[in-house]
Each structure stands twice: as structure tokens, then as C-alpha cells.
């Protein structure tokens, strides 16, 4: 599943391409919205909220928000009018076209249309967004409060809970815990201080901000070897040479794969 900075860049691309323009094509290819007619709608803006995308539209029928989520396989493509699609047409879930560009959302995990005034019905559960405008101490403290609601949950599982803090995915969770030397199975209540929960949230914010402007995500400071442990199971740790471990963590049915160095992140 894409990390929060990837979704932020997607929102920015959609915003730059569509905002201020009028929809000449508006095809919502999901059963519950197949008959909705949004042609003529004025695109107001697109923004991200954690891993959610919100495209606001002003139409004669009212103000609407198109809520989409990439989930595991989704992506948005921006094409010139008449340009061939890079993926099969049957994978398209949303097609939004103006006089200048066609935006196609392929294999989107969520496609919903709600009144803009009711956006909270689809994203109100999301925790503080690490890439939200005006991020500050109040957001960090609220994220820490939410994370602490289940003190015996593993820190890896807690960081992935988007209702606590939004934007961290598997990659960032693994890299953050390596950078702070914390075993991923450590219960939240036993996270050492420093860095403590506040330090981890601050680190997540810095990493996402650092990477949001570029396609290659890096936590090492070296784009040639961008990651410390993520997706490197069985390979030597870049810091100490120990074999990087890989395993599934989390409750049955909702396990998430993670990576860690047993020497740099001792239990």
C-alpha cells in the first residue's frame, strides 16, 4: 500500500491538472455511482488526508467530494486527450476529463461520492495527518494520545493504525524502528525514552516531509542505497552486517510483513 507521501504527490498532481477546470467527462465505473452525472462540474481542488484522496467538485446539483483510496493496486494516471491508456480499460474505476487532460483512476480500492459538507463521514476517523497543513505540537500530542490507547499493542502495529496517526505504511514503520533501534514487537508502553512515542512521531513527520517531493523514498541519506532494512530480508544489515530478519506481525487475519535487524534492534 502506498505511503502517505506517495498519496500526497498524487493529490498534488491531480490538483495541478484538474483544479479550476470543468469536467467534460465524468465516468464513475462502480455500480453504486454508475448513473451519477457530474459533467459540467467545476473542479475546486484535490487534497490528501493520510492515505485518502478527496477531490472537491462544484456542480449544479450541489458541492460534492469524490473520495478515492489507492489500497494495494490503485493508481491515478494523467493523460492528454486521446492518449492511449497504459492499463486495460476494464481496470479503470474513475475517468475525469477536461479540455486539457484526462485523469484515470485504475484499480482504486475505494470510490465514493459524498456531499462536501459530509467529508467527515469518510475520513473523520483518520488520525492526525503527518503531511497535513500546519502540522505542529498539538497534532503530535494527539497522535501520541491515540497511539497510547492500546499500550500493550506492538509499536509496529500501532504505527500502522491510520486512526492514530495517518501516513505511515509498512516501509516507514520498519525504517523508523530501525533508525531508533527498537524491536518491532516492543509493546507501545515499553518504547524506550528517548526517543519515546513523541520522538517516533516527530521522526515520521520529518521522513515524510523529506521524501514528499521525490519519487525515490530514502531514509539512509543515499539514493543509491535508499533503505536500511525494508524489503531486505536475508541481506546483511547496512550498519552491522547481521542478517536482516523478515516476519509477519499483528493479529491473525491482519498480519503485516516487517523487516528488522536483530542486533541493531534488540528485544
C-alpha atoms as a PDB file:
ATOM      1  CA  UNK A   1       0.000   0.000   0.000  1.00  0.00           C
ATOM      2  CA  UNK A   2       1.424   3.433  -0.901  1.00  0.00           C
ATOM      3  CA  UNK A   3       2.918   5.520   1.884  1.00  0.00           C
ATOM      4  CA  UNK A   4       1.442   8.884   2.808  1.00  0.00           C
ATOM      5  CA  UNK A   5       4.000  10.878   0.815  1.00  0.00           C
ATOM      6  CA  UNK A   6       3.096   8.965  -2.372  1.00  0.00           C
ATOM      7  CA  UNK A   7      -0.580   9.782  -1.856  1.00  0.00           C
ATOM      8  CA  UNK A   8       0.344  13.428  -1.152  1.00  0.00           C
ATOM      9  CA  UNK A   9       2.163  13.633  -4.505  1.00  0.00           C
ATOM     10  CA  UNK A  10      -0.801  12.029  -6.265  1.00  0.00           C
ATOM     11  CA  UNK A  11      -3.125  14.627  -4.766  1.00  0.00           C
ATOM     12  CA  UNK A  12      -0.811  17.426  -5.847  1.00  0.00           C
ATOM     13  CA  UNK A  13      -0.666  16.088  -9.421  1.00  0.00           C
ATOM     14  CA  UNK A  14      -4.446  15.795  -9.636  1.00  0.00           C
ATOM     15  CA  UNK A  15      -4.872  19.258  -8.141  1.00  0.00           C
ATOM     16  CA  UNK A  16      -2.491  20.879 -10.608  1.00  0.00           C
ATOM     17  CA  UNK A  17      -4.039  19.086 -13.586  1.00  0.00           C
ATOM     18  CA  UNK A  18      -7.747  19.445 -12.824  1.00  0.00           C
ATOM     19  CA  UNK A  19      -8.438  22.304 -10.428  1.00  0.00           C
ATOM     20  CA  UNK A  20     -10.090  25.349 -11.959  1.00  0.00           C
ATOM     21  CA  UNK A  21     -11.316  23.326 -14.952  1.00  0.00           C
ATOM     22  CA  UNK A  22     -14.726  21.988 -15.971  1.00  0.00           C
ATOM     23  CA  UNK A  23     -15.375  18.285 -16.395  1.00  0.00           C
ATOM     24  CA  UNK A  24     -16.298  17.293 -19.931  1.00  0.00           C
ATOM     25  CA  UNK A  25     -16.061  13.613 -18.979  1.00  0.00           C
ATOM     26  CA  UNK A  26     -17.086  12.204 -15.616  1.00  0.00           C
ATOM     27  CA  UNK A  27     -17.348   8.431 -15.658  1.00  0.00           C
ATOM     28  CA  UNK A  28     -17.594   6.685 -12.274  1.00  0.00           C
ATOM     29  CA  UNK A  29     -17.248   3.000 -13.086  1.00  0.00           C
ATOM     30  CA  UNK A  30     -18.540   1.435  -9.902  1.00  0.00           C
ATOM     31  CA  UNK A  31     -22.083   0.048  -9.620  1.00  0.00           C
ATOM     32  CA  UNK A  32     -23.336   2.383  -6.909  1.00  0.00           C
ATOM     33  CA  UNK A  33     -22.304   5.501  -8.892  1.00  0.00           C
ATOM     34  CA  UNK A  34     -22.765   4.329 -12.477  1.00  0.00           C
ATOM     35  CA  UNK A  35     -25.734   6.647 -13.142  1.00  0.00           C
ATOM     36  CA  UNK A  36     -24.292   9.758 -11.473  1.00  0.00           C
ATOM     37  CA  UNK A  37     -23.858  12.669 -13.919  1.00  0.00           C
ATOM     38  CA  UNK A  38     -21.119  15.134 -12.965  1.00  0.00           C
ATOM     39  CA  UNK A  39     -20.442  16.539 -16.432  1.00  0.00           C
ATOM     40  CA  UNK A  40     -20.139  20.304 -16.187  1.00  0.00           C
ATOM     41  CA  UNK A  41     -18.814  20.182 -12.636  1.00  0.00           C
ATOM     42  CA  UNK A  42     -16.126  22.707 -11.729  1.00  0.00           C
ATOM     43  CA  UNK A  43     -13.125  21.053 -10.054  1.00  0.00           C
ATOM     44  CA  UNK A  44     -12.306  23.006  -6.919  1.00  0.00           C
ATOM     45  CA  UNK A  45      -9.316  21.107  -5.530  1.00  0.00           C
ATOM     46  CA  UNK A  46      -7.819  17.729  -4.670  1.00  0.00           C
ATOM     47  CA  UNK A  47      -6.123  17.107  -1.361  1.00  0.00           C
ATOM     48  CA  UNK A  48      -4.879  14.132   0.605  1.00  0.00           C
ATOM     49  CA  UNK A  49      -5.864  13.145   4.103  1.00  0.00           C
ATOM     50  CA  UNK A  50      -3.419  10.489   5.185  1.00  0.00           C
ATOM     51  CA  UNK A  51      -3.818   7.826   2.509  1.00  0.00           C
ATOM     52  CA  UNK A  52      -7.193   9.124   1.302  1.00  0.00           C
ATOM     53  CA  UNK A  53      -7.778  11.368  -1.726  1.00  0.00           C
ATOM     54  CA  UNK A  54     -10.534  13.986  -1.729  1.00  0.00           C
ATOM     55  CA  UNK A  55     -11.492  15.742  -4.970  1.00  0.00           C
ATOM     56  CA  UNK A  56     -13.992  18.555  -4.417  1.00  0.00           C
ATOM     57  CA  UNK A  57     -16.440  19.408  -7.174  1.00  0.00           C
ATOM     58  CA  UNK A  58     -18.953  22.236  -7.590  1.00  0.00           C
ATOM     59  CA  UNK A  59     -21.934  21.145  -9.691  1.00  0.00           C
ATOM     60  CA  UNK A  60     -25.409  22.469 -10.377  1.00  0.00           C
ATOM     61  CA  UNK A  61     -26.689  19.679  -8.141  1.00  0.00           C
ATOM     62  CA  UNK A  62     -24.501  20.796  -5.226  1.00  0.00           C
ATOM     63  CA  UNK A  63     -20.995  20.596  -3.812  1.00  0.00           C
ATOM     64  CA  UNK A  64     -19.591  17.077  -3.918  1.00  0.00           C
ATOM     65  CA  UNK A  65     -16.409  15.298  -2.845  1.00  0.00           C
ATOM     66  CA  UNK A  66     -15.091  12.294  -4.740  1.00  0.00           C
ATOM     67  CA  UNK A  67     -13.362  10.105  -2.176  1.00  0.00           C
ATOM     68  CA  UNK A  68     -10.857   7.575  -3.501  1.00  0.00           C
ATOM     69  CA  UNK A  69      -8.266   5.293  -1.933  1.00  0.00           C
ATOM     70  CA  UNK A  70      -5.473   3.502  -3.776  1.00  0.00           C
ATOM     71  CA  UNK A  71      -5.320   0.491  -1.434  1.00  0.00           C
ATOM     72  CA  UNK A  72      -2.792  -2.057  -2.726  1.00  0.00           C
ATOM     73  CA  UNK A  73      -3.045  -1.798  -6.517  1.00  0.00           C
ATOM     74  CA  UNK A  74      -4.621   1.554  -7.329  1.00  0.00           C
ATOM     75  CA  UNK A  75      -3.060   4.434  -9.237  1.00  0.00           C
ATOM     76  CA  UNK A  76      -4.053   7.637 -10.995  1.00  0.00           C
ATOM     77  CA  UNK A  77      -2.747   8.383 -14.494  1.00  0.00           C
ATOM     78  CA  UNK A  78      -2.809  11.805 -16.176  1.00  0.00           C
ATOM     79  CA  UNK A  79      -3.146  11.654 -19.958  1.00  0.00           C
ATOM     80  CA  UNK A  80      -3.507  14.053 -22.839  1.00  0.00           C
ATOM     81  CA  UNK A  81      -6.889  13.898 -24.596  1.00  0.00           C
ATOM     82  CA  UNK A  82      -6.764  10.968 -26.989  1.00  0.00           C
ATOM     83  CA  UNK A  83      -3.621   9.463 -25.457  1.00  0.00           C
ATOM     84  CA  UNK A  84      -3.655   5.686 -25.096  1.00  0.00           C
ATOM     85  CA  UNK A  85      -4.185   4.353 -21.604  1.00  0.00           C
ATOM     86  CA  UNK A  86      -1.285   2.459 -20.090  1.00  0.00           C
ATOM     87  CA  UNK A  87      -3.527  -0.106 -18.387  1.00  0.00           C
ATOM     88  CA  UNK A  88      -6.542  -2.158 -19.546  1.00  0.00           C
ATOM     89  CA  UNK A  89      -9.811  -0.231 -19.723  1.00  0.00           C
ATOM     90  CA  UNK A  90     -11.606  -2.750 -17.506  1.00  0.00           C
ATOM     91  CA  UNK A  91      -9.333  -1.704 -14.615  1.00  0.00           C
ATOM     92  CA  UNK A  92     -10.494   1.927 -14.811  1.00  0.00           C
ATOM     93  CA  UNK A  93     -12.753   2.917 -11.926  1.00  0.00           C
ATOM     94  CA  UNK A  94     -12.906   6.695 -12.484  1.00  0.00           C
ATOM     95  CA  UNK A  95     -12.399   8.812 -15.602  1.00  0.00           C
ATOM     96  CA  UNK A  96     -12.362  12.607 -15.216  1.00  0.00           C
ATOM     97  CA  UNK A  97     -11.718  14.587 -18.391  1.00  0.00           C
ATOM     98  CA  UNK A  98     -11.311  18.295 -19.130  1.00  0.00           C
ATOM     99  CA  UNK A  99     -10.363  20.111 -22.312  1.00  0.00           C
ATOM    100  CA  UNK A 100      -6.681  19.697 -21.385  1.00  0.00           C
ATOM    101  CA  UNK A 101      -6.253  16.414 -19.511  1.00  0.00           C
ATOM    102  CA  UNK A 102      -7.855  13.086 -18.713  1.00  0.00           C
ATOM    103  CA  UNK A 103      -7.335  11.626 -15.243  1.00  0.00           C
ATOM    104  CA  UNK A 104      -7.936   7.890 -14.985  1.00  0.00           C
ATOM    105  CA  UNK A 105      -8.040   6.079 -11.658  1.00  0.00           C
ATOM    106  CA  UNK A 106      -7.156   2.410 -12.120  1.00  0.00           C
ATOM    107  CA  UNK A 107      -7.936  -0.398  -9.648  1.00  0.00           C
ATOM    108  CA  UNK A 108      -8.967   2.048  -6.941  1.00  0.00           C
ATOM    109  CA  UNK A 109      -9.836   0.322  -3.691  1.00  0.00           C
ATOM    110  CA  UNK A 110     -12.463   2.901  -2.716  1.00  0.00           C
ATOM    111  CA  UNK A 111     -14.662   5.153  -4.870  1.00  0.00           C
ATOM    112  CA  UNK A 112     -17.339   7.143  -3.044  1.00  0.00           C
ATOM    113  CA  UNK A 113     -19.227  10.377  -3.664  1.00  0.00           C
ATOM    114  CA  UNK A 114     -20.376  12.386  -0.666  1.00  0.00           C
ATOM    115  CA  UNK A 115     -21.588  15.911  -0.093  1.00  0.00           C
ATOM    116  CA  UNK A 116     -18.565  18.081   0.640  1.00  0.00           C
ATOM    117  CA  UNK A 117     -20.198  19.115   3.916  1.00  0.00           C
ATOM    118  CA  UNK A 118     -20.160  15.426   4.900  1.00  0.00           C
ATOM    119  CA  UNK A 119     -16.481  14.650   4.185  1.00  0.00           C
ATOM    120  CA  UNK A 120     -16.005  13.616   7.797  1.00  0.00           C
ATOM    121  CA  UNK A 121     -18.267  10.647   7.156  1.00  0.00           C
ATOM    122  CA  UNK A 122     -15.463   9.076   5.097  1.00  0.00           C
ATOM    123  CA  UNK A 123     -12.279  10.491   6.681  1.00  0.00           C
ATOM    124  CA  UNK A 124     -13.360  11.682  10.124  1.00  0.00           C
ATOM    125  CA  UNK A 125     -11.887   8.559  11.703  1.00  0.00           C
ATOM    126  CA  UNK A 126      -8.401   9.312  10.366  1.00  0.00           C
ATOM    127  CA  UNK A 127      -5.806  10.420  12.893  1.00  0.00           C
ATOM    128  CA  UNK A 128      -3.533  13.477  12.634  1.00  0.00           C
ATOM    129  CA  UNK A 129      -2.020  13.641   9.146  1.00  0.00           C
ATOM    130  CA  UNK A 130       1.785  13.760   9.167  1.00  0.00           C
ATOM    131  CA  UNK A 131       1.653  15.802   5.942  1.00  0.00           C
ATOM    132  CA  UNK A 132      -1.332  17.906   6.930  1.00  0.00           C
ATOM    133  CA  UNK A 133      -1.081  21.681   6.601  1.00  0.00           C
ATOM    134  CA  UNK A 134       0.136  23.380   9.737  1.00  0.00           C
ATOM    135  CA  UNK A 135       1.369  20.218  11.462  1.00  0.00           C
ATOM    136  CA  UNK A 136       2.505  21.133  14.955  1.00  0.00           C
ATOM    137  CA  UNK A 137       2.838  20.065  18.577  1.00  0.00           C
ATOM    138  CA  UNK A 138      -0.919  19.737  19.072  1.00  0.00           C
ATOM    139  CA  UNK A 139      -1.108  17.244  16.195  1.00  0.00           C
ATOM    140  CA  UNK A 140       1.854  15.287  17.551  1.00  0.00           C
ATOM    141  CA  UNK A 141       0.402  15.167  21.052  1.00  0.00           C
ATOM    142  CA  UNK A 142      -2.967  13.972  19.734  1.00  0.00           C
ATOM    143  CA  UNK A 143      -1.234  11.239  17.712  1.00  0.00           C
ATOM    144  CA  UNK A 144       0.670  10.099  20.817  1.00  0.00           C
ATOM    145  CA  UNK A 145      -2.557  10.081  22.849  1.00  0.00           C
ATOM    146  CA  UNK A 146      -4.269   7.881  20.262  1.00  0.00           C
ATOM    147  CA  UNK A 147      -1.296   5.557  19.962  1.00  0.00           C
ATOM    148  CA  UNK A 148      -1.313   5.093  23.724  1.00  0.00           C
ATOM    149  CA  UNK A 149      -4.934   3.945  23.832  1.00  0.00           C
ATOM    150  CA  UNK A 150      -3.733   0.326  23.441  1.00  0.00           C
ATOM    151  CA  UNK A 151      -0.485   0.300  25.483  1.00  0.00           C
ATOM    152  CA  UNK A 152       0.251  -3.419  25.043  1.00  0.00           C
ATOM    153  CA  UNK A 153      -0.061  -3.377  21.264  1.00  0.00           C
ATOM    154  CA  UNK A 154       3.247  -3.746  19.410  1.00  0.00           C
ATOM    155  CA  UNK A 155       4.790  -0.468  18.295  1.00  0.00           C
ATOM    156  CA  UNK A 156       4.902  -1.721  14.695  1.00  0.00           C
ATOM    157  CA  UNK A 157       1.155  -2.395  14.663  1.00  0.00           C
ATOM    158  CA  UNK A 158       0.424   0.905  16.416  1.00  0.00           C
ATOM    159  CA  UNK A 159       2.345   2.980  13.864  1.00  0.00           C
ATOM    160  CA  UNK A 160       0.344   1.387  11.030  1.00  0.00           C
ATOM    161  CA  UNK A 161      -3.009   2.288  12.606  1.00  0.00           C
ATOM    162  CA  UNK A 162      -4.253   5.178  10.471  1.00  0.00           C
ATOM    163  CA  UNK A 163      -6.803   6.164  13.110  1.00  0.00           C
ATOM    164  CA  UNK A 164      -3.867   7.042  15.403  1.00  0.00           C
ATOM    165  CA  UNK A 165      -1.514   8.799  13.004  1.00  0.00           C
ATOM    166  CA  UNK A 166      -2.028   8.990   9.251  1.00  0.00           C
ATOM    167  CA  UNK A 167       0.558   8.433   6.550  1.00  0.00           C
ATOM    168  CA  UNK A 168       2.873   5.724   7.893  1.00  0.00           C
ATOM    169  CA  UNK A 169       2.939   2.473   5.950  1.00  0.00           C
ATOM    170  CA  UNK A 170       4.968  -0.710   6.221  1.00  0.00           C
ATOM    171  CA  UNK A 171       8.118   0.801   4.770  1.00  0.00           C
ATOM    172  CA  UNK A 172       8.267   3.830   7.030  1.00  0.00           C
ATOM    173  CA  UNK A 173       7.322   1.816  10.126  1.00  0.00           C
ATOM    174  CA  UNK A 174      10.210  -0.611   9.537  1.00  0.00           C
ATOM    175  CA  UNK A 175      12.694   2.160   8.782  1.00  0.00           C
ATOM    176  CA  UNK A 176      11.637   4.347  11.716  1.00  0.00           C
ATOM    177  CA  UNK A 177      12.061   1.491  14.176  1.00  0.00           C
ATOM    178  CA  UNK A 178      15.473   0.615  12.760  1.00  0.00           C
ATOM    179  CA  UNK A 179      16.644   4.217  12.985  1.00  0.00           C
ATOM    180  CA  UNK A 180      15.663   4.313  16.654  1.00  0.00           C
ATOM    181  CA  UNK A 181      16.928   0.802  17.478  1.00  0.00           C
ATOM    182  CA  UNK A 182      13.529  -0.537  18.563  1.00  0.00           C
ATOM    183  CA  UNK A 183      12.431  -4.141  18.031  1.00  0.00           C
ATOM    184  CA  UNK A 184       9.071  -4.077  16.174  1.00  0.00           C
ATOM    185  CA  UNK A 185       7.394  -6.395  18.711  1.00  0.00           C
ATOM    186  CA  UNK A 186       8.028  -3.959  21.582  1.00  0.00           C
ATOM    187  CA  UNK A 187       4.732  -3.028  23.297  1.00  0.00           C
ATOM    188  CA  UNK A 188       3.877   0.637  22.876  1.00  0.00           C
ATOM    189  CA  UNK A 189       4.057   1.207  26.636  1.00  0.00           C
ATOM    190  CA  UNK A 190       7.679  -0.016  26.690  1.00  0.00           C
ATOM    191  CA  UNK A 191       9.103   2.142  23.925  1.00  0.00           C
ATOM    192  CA  UNK A 192      12.358   3.454  25.412  1.00  0.00           C
ATOM    193  CA  UNK A 193      12.781   7.108  26.204  1.00  0.00           C
ATOM    194  CA  UNK A 194      14.450   8.608  24.280  1.00  0.00           C
ATOM    195  CA  UNK A 195      13.066   8.618  21.641  1.00  0.00           C
ATOM    196  CA  UNK A 196       9.720   7.843  23.260  1.00  0.00           C
ATOM    197  CA  UNK A 197       6.443   7.971  21.319  1.00  0.00           C
ATOM    198  CA  UNK A 198       6.740  11.712  20.673  1.00  0.00           C
ATOM    199  CA  UNK A 199      10.184  11.237  19.174  1.00  0.00           C
ATOM    200  CA  UNK A 200       8.920   8.493  16.882  1.00  0.00           C
ATOM    201  CA  UNK A 201       6.025  10.622  15.639  1.00  0.00           C
ATOM    202  CA  UNK A 202       8.390  13.549  15.029  1.00  0.00           C
ATOM    203  CA  UNK A 203      10.714  11.221  13.095  1.00  0.00           C
ATOM    204  CA  UNK A 204       7.827  10.005  10.935  1.00  0.00           C
ATOM    205  CA  UNK A 205       6.874  13.590  10.169  1.00  0.00           C
ATOM    206  CA  UNK A 206      10.432  14.500   9.182  1.00  0.00           C
ATOM    207  CA  UNK A 207      10.851  11.450   6.938  1.00  0.00           C
ATOM    208  CA  UNK A 208       7.595  12.032   5.042  1.00  0.00           C
ATOM    209  CA  UNK A 209       8.327  15.737   4.590  1.00  0.00           C
ATOM    210  CA  UNK A 210      11.841  14.926   3.393  1.00  0.00           C
ATOM    211  CA  UNK A 211      10.559  12.474   0.773  1.00  0.00           C
ATOM    212  CA  UNK A 212       7.303  14.040  -0.373  1.00  0.00           C
ATOM    213  CA  UNK A 213       8.876  15.948  -3.263  1.00  0.00           C
ATOM    214  CA  UNK A 214      10.641  12.964  -4.841  1.00  0.00           C
ATOM    215  CA  UNK A 215       9.614   9.588  -6.233  1.00  0.00           C
ATOM    216  CA  UNK A 216      12.529   7.683  -4.676  1.00  0.00           C
ATOM    217  CA  UNK A 217      11.966   7.378  -0.954  1.00  0.00           C
ATOM    218  CA  UNK A 218      15.121   7.276   1.134  1.00  0.00           C
ATOM    219  CA  UNK A 219      15.846   7.014   4.848  1.00  0.00           C
ATOM    220  CA  UNK A 220      19.615   6.435   4.656  1.00  0.00           C
ATOM    221  CA  UNK A 221      20.581   9.726   3.026  1.00  0.00           C
ATOM    222  CA  UNK A 222      21.859   7.823  -0.022  1.00  0.00           C
ATOM    223  CA  UNK A 223      19.513   7.416  -3.005  1.00  0.00           C
ATOM    224  CA  UNK A 224      21.713   4.605  -4.332  1.00  0.00           C
ATOM    225  CA  UNK A 225      21.007   2.533  -1.215  1.00  0.00           C
ATOM    226  CA  UNK A 226      17.860   4.246  -0.027  1.00  0.00           C
ATOM    227  CA  UNK A 227      16.568   1.936   2.741  1.00  0.00           C
ATOM    228  CA  UNK A 228      18.094   0.330   5.810  1.00  0.00           C
ATOM    229  CA  UNK A 229      16.012  -2.823   6.277  1.00  0.00           C
ATOM    230  CA  UNK A 230      12.704  -2.682   4.407  1.00  0.00           C
ATOM    231  CA  UNK A 231      12.398  -5.360   1.679  1.00  0.00           C
ATOM    232  CA  UNK A 232      15.936  -6.554   2.532  1.00  0.00           C
ATOM    233  CA  UNK A 233      15.089  -9.782   4.342  1.00  0.00           C
ATOM    234  CA  UNK A 234      18.058 -12.175   4.373  1.00  0.00           C
ATOM    235  CA  UNK A 235      20.528  -9.491   3.310  1.00  0.00           C
ATOM    236  CA  UNK A 236      23.254  -8.058   5.558  1.00  0.00           C
ATOM    237  CA  UNK A 237      22.365  -5.051   7.676  1.00  0.00           C
ATOM    238  CA  UNK A 238      23.917  -1.929   6.197  1.00  0.00           C
ATOM    239  CA  UNK A 239      25.102  -0.893   9.649  1.00  0.00           C
ATOM    240  CA  UNK A 240      26.407  -4.070  11.312  1.00  0.00           C
ATOM    241  CA  UNK A 241      26.279  -6.847   8.712  1.00  0.00           C
ATOM    242  CA  UNK A 242      23.841  -9.064  10.636  1.00  0.00           C
ATOM    243  CA  UNK A 243      21.223 -10.879   8.553  1.00  0.00           C
ATOM    244  CA  UNK A 244      18.054  -8.771   8.271  1.00  0.00           C
ATOM    245  CA  UNK A 245      15.027 -10.686   9.558  1.00  0.00           C
ATOM    246  CA  UNK A 246      11.570 -10.683   7.986  1.00  0.00           C
ATOM    247  CA  UNK A 247       8.290 -11.787   9.537  1.00  0.00           C
ATOM    248  CA  UNK A 248       4.562 -11.190   9.859  1.00  0.00           C
ATOM    249  CA  UNK A 249       3.360  -9.211  12.849  1.00  0.00           C
ATOM    250  CA  UNK A 250      -0.096  -8.278  14.041  1.00  0.00           C
ATOM    251  CA  UNK A 251      -3.357 -10.054  14.870  1.00  0.00           C
ATOM    252  CA  UNK A 252      -4.419 -13.125  12.899  1.00  0.00           C
ATOM    253  CA  UNK A 253      -6.001 -12.119   9.606  1.00  0.00           C
ATOM    254  CA  UNK A 254      -4.405  -8.686   9.673  1.00  0.00           C
ATOM    255  CA  UNK A 255      -0.723  -9.590   9.773  1.00  0.00           C
ATOM    256  CA  UNK A 256       1.707  -7.169   8.175  1.00  0.00           C
ATOM    257  CA  UNK A 257       5.180  -8.078   6.970  1.00  0.00           C
ATOM    258  CA  UNK A 258       8.083  -6.217   8.528  1.00  0.00           C
ATOM    259  CA  UNK A 259      11.874  -6.231   8.495  1.00  0.00           C
ATOM    260  CA  UNK A 260      14.399  -5.644  11.280  1.00  0.00           C
ATOM    261  CA  UNK A 261      17.987  -6.195  12.315  1.00  0.00           C
ATOM    262  CA  UNK A 262      18.135  -8.363  15.469  1.00  0.00           C
ATOM    263  CA  UNK A 263      21.448  -6.814  16.514  1.00  0.00           C
ATOM    264  CA  UNK A 264      20.637  -3.139  15.912  1.00  0.00           C
ATOM    265  CA  UNK A 265      17.083  -3.607  17.266  1.00  0.00           C
ATOM    266  CA  UNK A 266      17.493  -5.960  20.247  1.00  0.00           C
ATOM    267  CA  UNK A 267      14.456  -7.202  22.120  1.00  0.00           C
END
